[in-house]
Amino acid sequence: MYRKLTILCLAIIPVVLYNCTTNTLDEGDVEDLPPIVETVTYDDDVAAIITTNCVTCHSGPNANAGLQLTGYANVRAAAEQGNLVNRINNSANPMPPTGQLPPETRQIIDQWIIDGYLEN
């Protein structure tokens, strides 16, 4: 009896631990969202996203990875080089490091790029 209980516990523990470490909230993907029909601009839409999620680490003289995300010109340069979009869309190593931005937020940045990096 004791042996069966031990084997059962040893079989259940890895399953429980695996589920605790890999369960994620599937928020969907940008491609699953309806398209944005309004024009997206930096001042109206993107600046708040960057300020809320990026500027804490990516500003000042010691900006992480040397990536300055303060102001329109810096954010546009990061987007044009692909640094911004690649990192916010990277689910394995997301930016911000606290977790990938929601698909709706990433879609706004994608649409801003498609719309031509409009400032205001």
N, C-alpha and C. Protein backbone atom coordinates (compact mmCIF):
# COMPACT_ATOMS: atom_id res chain seq x y z
N MET A 1 0.82 -1.19 0.00
CA MET A 1 0.00 0.00 0.00
C MET A 1 0.86 1.26 0.00
N TYR A 2 1.88 1.26 0.87
CA TYR A 2 2.77 2.42 0.97
C TYR A 2 3.51 2.65 -0.34
N ARG A 3 3.92 1.57 -0.98
CA ARG A 3 4.65 1.67 -2.25
C ARG A 3 3.76 2.27 -3.34
N LYS A 4 2.50 1.85 -3.41
CA LYS A 4 1.58 2.38 -4.41
C LYS A 4 1.34 3.87 -4.19
N LEU A 5 1.21 4.27 -2.96
CA LEU A 5 0.99 5.68 -2.64
C LEU A 5 2.22 6.51 -3.02
N THR A 6 3.39 5.98 -2.75
CA THR A 6 4.64 6.68 -3.10
C THR A 6 4.75 6.83 -4.62
N ILE A 7 4.48 5.79 -5.35
CA ILE A 7 4.54 5.84 -6.82
C ILE A 7 3.52 6.83 -7.35
N LEU A 8 2.33 6.82 -6.80
CA LEU A 8 1.29 7.75 -7.23
C LEU A 8 1.73 9.20 -6.99
N CYS A 9 2.27 9.47 -5.82
CA CYS A 9 2.74 10.83 -5.49
C CYS A 9 3.87 11.25 -6.41
N LEU A 10 4.80 10.35 -6.67
CA LEU A 10 5.92 10.66 -7.55
C LEU A 10 5.46 10.90 -8.98
N ALA A 11 4.38 10.31 -9.37
CA ALA A 11 3.84 10.51 -10.71
C ALA A 11 3.08 11.84 -10.80
N ILE A 12 2.41 12.22 -9.73
CA ILE A 12 1.60 13.44 -9.74
C ILE A 12 2.45 14.69 -9.58
N ILE A 13 3.49 14.65 -8.79
CA ILE A 13 4.31 15.83 -8.51
C ILE A 13 4.86 16.48 -9.78
N PRO A 14 5.47 15.73 -10.71
CA PRO A 14 5.99 16.39 -11.92
C PRO A 14 4.88 17.04 -12.76
N VAL A 15 3.72 16.42 -12.79
CA VAL A 15 2.61 16.98 -13.56
C VAL A 15 2.16 18.31 -12.94
N VAL A 16 2.03 18.34 -11.65
CA VAL A 16 1.62 19.57 -10.96
C VAL A 16 2.67 20.66 -11.15
N LEU A 17 3.93 20.33 -10.95
CA LEU A 17 4.99 21.32 -11.13
C LEU A 17 5.05 21.83 -12.56
N TYR A 18 4.91 20.95 -13.52
CA TYR A 18 4.93 21.36 -14.93
C TYR A 18 3.80 22.34 -15.22
N ASN A 19 2.61 22.05 -14.75
CA ASN A 19 1.47 22.93 -14.99
C ASN A 19 1.63 24.27 -14.29
N CYS A 20 2.25 24.29 -13.14
CA CYS A 20 2.45 25.56 -12.43
C CYS A 20 3.43 26.47 -13.14
N THR A 21 4.37 25.91 -13.85
CA THR A 21 5.40 26.73 -14.48
C THR A 21 5.09 27.09 -15.91
N THR A 22 4.17 26.41 -16.57
CA THR A 22 3.94 26.68 -17.98
C THR A 22 2.56 27.24 -18.28
N ASN A 23 1.69 27.30 -17.31
CA ASN A 23 0.38 27.87 -17.58
C ASN A 23 0.51 29.36 -17.84
N THR A 24 0.01 29.79 -18.96
CA THR A 24 0.01 31.20 -19.30
C THR A 24 -1.37 31.59 -19.75
N LEU A 25 -1.66 32.83 -19.61
CA LEU A 25 -2.93 33.36 -20.06
C LEU A 25 -2.82 33.65 -21.54
N ASP A 26 -3.56 32.93 -22.35
CA ASP A 26 -3.50 33.14 -23.80
C ASP A 26 -4.37 34.34 -24.14
N GLU A 27 -3.70 35.44 -24.45
CA GLU A 27 -4.43 36.66 -24.77
C GLU A 27 -4.72 36.78 -26.25
N GLY A 28 -4.36 35.78 -27.03
CA GLY A 28 -4.57 35.86 -28.46
C GLY A 28 -3.38 36.51 -29.13
N ASP A 29 -3.56 36.81 -30.40
CA ASP A 29 -2.49 37.41 -31.17
C ASP A 29 -3.02 38.60 -31.94
N VAL A 30 -2.12 39.44 -32.38
CA VAL A 30 -2.50 40.65 -33.11
C VAL A 30 -3.32 40.29 -34.35
N GLU A 31 -2.94 39.21 -35.02
CA GLU A 31 -3.64 38.80 -36.25
C GLU A 31 -5.10 38.42 -35.99
N ASP A 32 -5.44 38.08 -34.74
CA ASP A 32 -6.80 37.68 -34.40
C ASP A 32 -7.72 38.88 -34.15
N LEU A 33 -7.16 40.08 -34.10
CA LEU A 33 -7.95 41.28 -33.78
C LEU A 33 -8.54 41.90 -35.04
N PRO A 34 -9.66 42.58 -34.89
CA PRO A 34 -10.18 43.32 -36.05
C PRO A 34 -9.22 44.45 -36.40
N PRO A 35 -9.12 44.81 -37.67
CA PRO A 35 -8.18 45.86 -38.05
C PRO A 35 -8.54 47.21 -37.45
N ILE A 36 -7.53 48.02 -37.22
CA ILE A 36 -7.73 49.39 -36.75
C ILE A 36 -8.04 50.24 -37.98
N VAL A 37 -9.15 50.95 -37.95
CA VAL A 37 -9.53 51.75 -39.11
C VAL A 37 -9.17 53.22 -38.95
N GLU A 38 -8.93 53.67 -37.72
CA GLU A 38 -8.54 55.05 -37.49
C GLU A 38 -7.04 55.19 -37.71
N THR A 39 -6.60 56.39 -38.07
CA THR A 39 -5.18 56.66 -38.20
C THR A 39 -4.56 56.71 -36.81
N VAL A 40 -3.42 56.04 -36.67
CA VAL A 40 -2.71 56.00 -35.39
C VAL A 40 -1.55 56.99 -35.46
N THR A 41 -1.44 57.84 -34.43
CA THR A 41 -0.34 58.80 -34.37
C THR A 41 0.45 58.60 -33.08
N TYR A 42 1.66 59.10 -33.10
CA TYR A 42 2.52 59.00 -31.92
C TYR A 42 1.90 59.76 -30.76
N ASP A 43 1.55 61.02 -30.98
CA ASP A 43 1.04 61.86 -29.88
C ASP A 43 -0.25 61.32 -29.28
N ASP A 44 -1.16 60.86 -30.11
CA ASP A 44 -2.47 60.43 -29.62
C ASP A 44 -2.49 59.00 -29.09
N ASP A 45 -1.65 58.13 -29.63
CA ASP A 45 -1.79 56.71 -29.32
C ASP A 45 -0.52 56.04 -28.78
N VAL A 46 0.61 56.30 -29.39
CA VAL A 46 1.82 55.54 -29.08
C VAL A 46 2.57 56.10 -27.87
N ALA A 47 2.63 57.40 -27.72
CA ALA A 47 3.41 58.02 -26.64
C ALA A 47 3.00 57.48 -25.27
N ALA A 48 1.73 57.35 -25.03
CA ALA A 48 1.26 56.85 -23.73
C ALA A 48 1.70 55.40 -23.49
N ILE A 49 1.69 54.59 -24.52
CA ILE A 49 2.13 53.20 -24.39
C ILE A 49 3.61 53.15 -24.03
N ILE A 50 4.40 53.93 -24.74
CA ILE A 50 5.85 53.95 -24.50
C ILE A 50 6.15 54.50 -23.10
N THR A 51 5.48 55.57 -22.73
CA THR A 51 5.71 56.17 -21.42
C THR A 51 5.35 55.20 -20.30
N THR A 52 4.24 54.53 -20.43
CA THR A 52 3.77 53.60 -19.40
C THR A 52 4.63 52.35 -19.30
N ASN A 53 5.10 51.83 -20.44
CA ASN A 53 5.73 50.52 -20.44
C ASN A 53 7.23 50.49 -20.68
N CYS A 54 7.82 51.57 -21.20
CA CYS A 54 9.20 51.49 -21.66
C CYS A 54 10.16 52.51 -21.05
N VAL A 55 9.68 53.72 -20.83
CA VAL A 55 10.55 54.84 -20.47
C VAL A 55 11.26 54.63 -19.13
N THR A 56 10.67 53.90 -18.23
CA THR A 56 11.31 53.66 -16.94
C THR A 56 12.71 53.09 -17.11
N CYS A 57 12.87 52.17 -18.03
CA CYS A 57 14.17 51.53 -18.25
C CYS A 57 14.94 52.13 -19.43
N HIS A 58 14.23 52.70 -20.38
CA HIS A 58 14.86 53.16 -21.62
C HIS A 58 14.86 54.68 -21.72
N SER A 59 15.45 55.32 -20.73
CA SER A 59 15.60 56.77 -20.75
C SER A 59 16.81 57.16 -19.91
N GLY A 60 17.24 58.38 -20.09
CA GLY A 60 18.35 58.89 -19.30
C GLY A 60 19.70 58.42 -19.80
N PRO A 61 20.75 58.80 -19.10
CA PRO A 61 22.11 58.48 -19.55
C PRO A 61 22.46 57.00 -19.48
N ASN A 62 21.74 56.24 -18.68
CA ASN A 62 22.02 54.81 -18.55
C ASN A 62 20.87 53.96 -19.07
N ALA A 63 20.30 54.35 -20.19
CA ALA A 63 19.18 53.61 -20.76
C ALA A 63 19.58 52.16 -21.04
N ASN A 64 18.72 51.22 -20.67
CA ASN A 64 19.01 49.81 -20.91
C ASN A 64 19.28 49.56 -22.38
N ALA A 65 20.29 48.75 -22.63
CA ALA A 65 20.71 48.38 -23.98
C ALA A 65 21.05 49.60 -24.84
N GLY A 66 21.25 50.74 -24.21
CA GLY A 66 21.56 51.96 -24.95
C GLY A 66 20.39 52.46 -25.78
N LEU A 67 19.21 51.93 -25.51
CA LEU A 67 18.02 52.27 -26.30
C LEU A 67 17.22 53.36 -25.61
N GLN A 68 17.26 54.54 -26.16
CA GLN A 68 16.48 55.67 -25.66
C GLN A 68 15.09 55.65 -26.29
N LEU A 69 14.08 55.68 -25.46
CA LEU A 69 12.71 55.70 -25.98
C LEU A 69 11.97 56.93 -25.46
N THR A 70 12.69 58.02 -25.30
CA THR A 70 12.06 59.26 -24.90
C THR A 70 11.89 60.11 -26.14
N GLY A 71 10.68 60.49 -26.41
CA GLY A 71 10.39 61.37 -27.53
C GLY A 71 10.16 60.65 -28.84
N TYR A 72 9.46 61.35 -29.71
CA TYR A 72 9.06 60.83 -31.01
C TYR A 72 10.25 60.33 -31.83
N ALA A 73 11.30 61.14 -31.97
CA ALA A 73 12.43 60.78 -32.83
C ALA A 73 13.09 59.48 -32.39
N ASN A 74 13.27 59.30 -31.10
CA ASN A 74 13.91 58.07 -30.60
C ASN A 74 13.03 56.85 -30.80
N VAL A 75 11.75 56.99 -30.54
CA VAL A 75 10.83 55.86 -30.70
C VAL A 75 10.72 55.49 -32.17
N ARG A 76 10.64 56.49 -33.04
CA ARG A 76 10.56 56.21 -34.47
C ARG A 76 11.82 55.49 -34.94
N ALA A 77 12.99 55.96 -34.51
CA ALA A 77 14.24 55.31 -34.90
C ALA A 77 14.27 53.85 -34.44
N ALA A 78 13.83 53.60 -33.22
CA ALA A 78 13.81 52.22 -32.71
C ALA A 78 12.83 51.36 -33.51
N ALA A 79 11.70 51.94 -33.89
CA ALA A 79 10.71 51.21 -34.69
C ALA A 79 11.25 50.94 -36.10
N GLU A 80 11.89 51.93 -36.71
CA GLU A 80 12.42 51.76 -38.06
C GLU A 80 13.54 50.72 -38.10
N GLN A 81 14.34 50.66 -37.05
CA GLN A 81 15.43 49.68 -36.99
C GLN A 81 14.92 48.28 -36.65
N GLY A 82 13.68 48.18 -36.19
CA GLY A 82 13.10 46.89 -35.84
C GLY A 82 13.29 46.51 -34.39
N ASN A 83 14.11 47.26 -33.65
CA ASN A 83 14.37 46.92 -32.24
C ASN A 83 13.09 46.92 -31.42
N LEU A 84 12.29 47.93 -31.58
CA LEU A 84 11.08 48.08 -30.77
C LEU A 84 10.09 46.96 -31.06
N VAL A 85 9.76 46.77 -32.30
CA VAL A 85 8.74 45.79 -32.68
C VAL A 85 9.20 44.37 -32.39
N ASN A 86 10.46 44.08 -32.69
CA ASN A 86 10.95 42.72 -32.43
C ASN A 86 10.86 42.36 -30.95
N ARG A 87 11.20 43.28 -30.08
CA ARG A 87 11.20 42.97 -28.66
C ARG A 87 9.79 42.93 -28.08
N ILE A 88 8.91 43.83 -28.48
CA ILE A 88 7.57 43.78 -27.89
C ILE A 88 6.77 42.59 -28.41
N ASN A 89 7.15 42.05 -29.56
CA ASN A 89 6.45 40.88 -30.11
C ASN A 89 7.12 39.57 -29.77
N ASN A 90 8.23 39.59 -29.05
CA ASN A 90 8.98 38.40 -28.69
C ASN A 90 8.38 37.79 -27.43
N SER A 91 7.64 36.71 -27.58
CA SER A 91 6.99 36.10 -26.41
C SER A 91 7.99 35.34 -25.53
N ALA A 92 9.11 34.91 -26.08
CA ALA A 92 10.10 34.19 -25.28
C ALA A 92 10.95 35.13 -24.43
N ASN A 93 11.19 36.34 -24.91
CA ASN A 93 12.00 37.32 -24.19
C ASN A 93 11.35 38.69 -24.37
N PRO A 94 10.18 38.87 -23.76
CA PRO A 94 9.38 40.07 -24.07
C PRO A 94 9.90 41.35 -23.43
N MET A 95 9.53 42.43 -24.04
CA MET A 95 9.69 43.75 -23.44
C MET A 95 8.30 44.31 -23.32
N PRO A 96 7.94 44.80 -22.19
CA PRO A 96 8.74 44.89 -20.97
C PRO A 96 8.97 43.51 -20.38
N PRO A 97 10.00 43.38 -19.54
CA PRO A 97 10.33 42.08 -18.98
C PRO A 97 9.25 41.50 -18.07
N THR A 98 8.31 42.33 -17.64
CA THR A 98 7.22 41.82 -16.80
C THR A 98 6.22 40.99 -17.58
N GLY A 99 6.29 41.03 -18.89
CA GLY A 99 5.41 40.23 -19.72
C GLY A 99 5.04 40.96 -20.99
N GLN A 100 4.70 40.19 -21.98
CA GLN A 100 4.37 40.75 -23.29
C GLN A 100 3.16 41.67 -23.19
N LEU A 101 3.23 42.76 -23.93
CA LEU A 101 2.11 43.69 -23.97
C LEU A 101 0.89 43.01 -24.56
N PRO A 102 -0.31 43.43 -24.19
CA PRO A 102 -1.51 42.83 -24.77
C PRO A 102 -1.54 43.02 -26.29
N PRO A 103 -2.18 42.11 -27.00
CA PRO A 103 -2.23 42.21 -28.46
C PRO A 103 -2.79 43.54 -28.96
N GLU A 104 -3.77 44.09 -28.25
CA GLU A 104 -4.36 45.37 -28.68
C GLU A 104 -3.32 46.49 -28.64
N THR A 105 -2.48 46.46 -27.65
CA THR A 105 -1.43 47.48 -27.52
C THR A 105 -0.38 47.30 -28.61
N ARG A 106 0.04 46.07 -28.85
CA ARG A 106 1.01 45.81 -29.90
C ARG A 106 0.45 46.15 -31.28
N GLN A 107 -0.85 45.93 -31.45
CA GLN A 107 -1.49 46.26 -32.72
C GLN A 107 -1.44 47.77 -32.99
N ILE A 108 -1.60 48.57 -31.95
CA ILE A 108 -1.52 50.02 -32.11
C ILE A 108 -0.15 50.43 -32.63
N ILE A 109 0.89 49.87 -32.06
CA ILE A 109 2.25 50.20 -32.51
C ILE A 109 2.46 49.71 -33.95
N ASP A 110 1.99 48.51 -34.26
CA ASP A 110 2.10 48.00 -35.62
C ASP A 110 1.38 48.91 -36.61
N GLN A 111 0.18 49.37 -36.23
CA GLN A 111 -0.60 50.24 -37.12
C GLN A 111 0.07 51.60 -37.29
N TRP A 112 0.69 52.11 -36.24
CA TRP A 112 1.43 53.37 -36.31
C TRP A 112 2.53 53.26 -37.37
N ILE A 113 3.20 52.14 -37.39
CA ILE A 113 4.26 51.92 -38.38
C ILE A 113 3.65 51.84 -39.78
N ILE A 114 2.58 51.09 -39.93
CA ILE A 114 1.91 50.97 -41.22
C ILE A 114 1.42 52.33 -41.71
N ASP A 115 0.92 53.15 -40.78
CA ASP A 115 0.40 54.48 -41.15
C ASP A 115 1.51 55.47 -41.48
N GLY A 116 2.77 55.10 -41.27
CA GLY A 116 3.87 55.96 -41.68
C GLY A 116 4.49 56.76 -40.56
N TYR A 117 4.44 56.27 -39.33
CA TYR A 117 5.09 56.93 -38.19
C TYR A 117 4.61 58.36 -37.99
N LEU A 118 3.31 58.57 -38.09
CA LEU A 118 2.77 59.92 -37.94
C LEU A 118 3.00 60.42 -36.53
N GLU A 119 3.40 61.70 -36.42
CA GLU A 119 3.68 62.26 -35.10
C GLU A 119 2.41 62.77 -34.43
N ASN A 120 1.62 63.57 -35.14
CA ASN A 120 0.38 64.07 -34.55
C ASN A 120 -0.69 64.23 -35.60
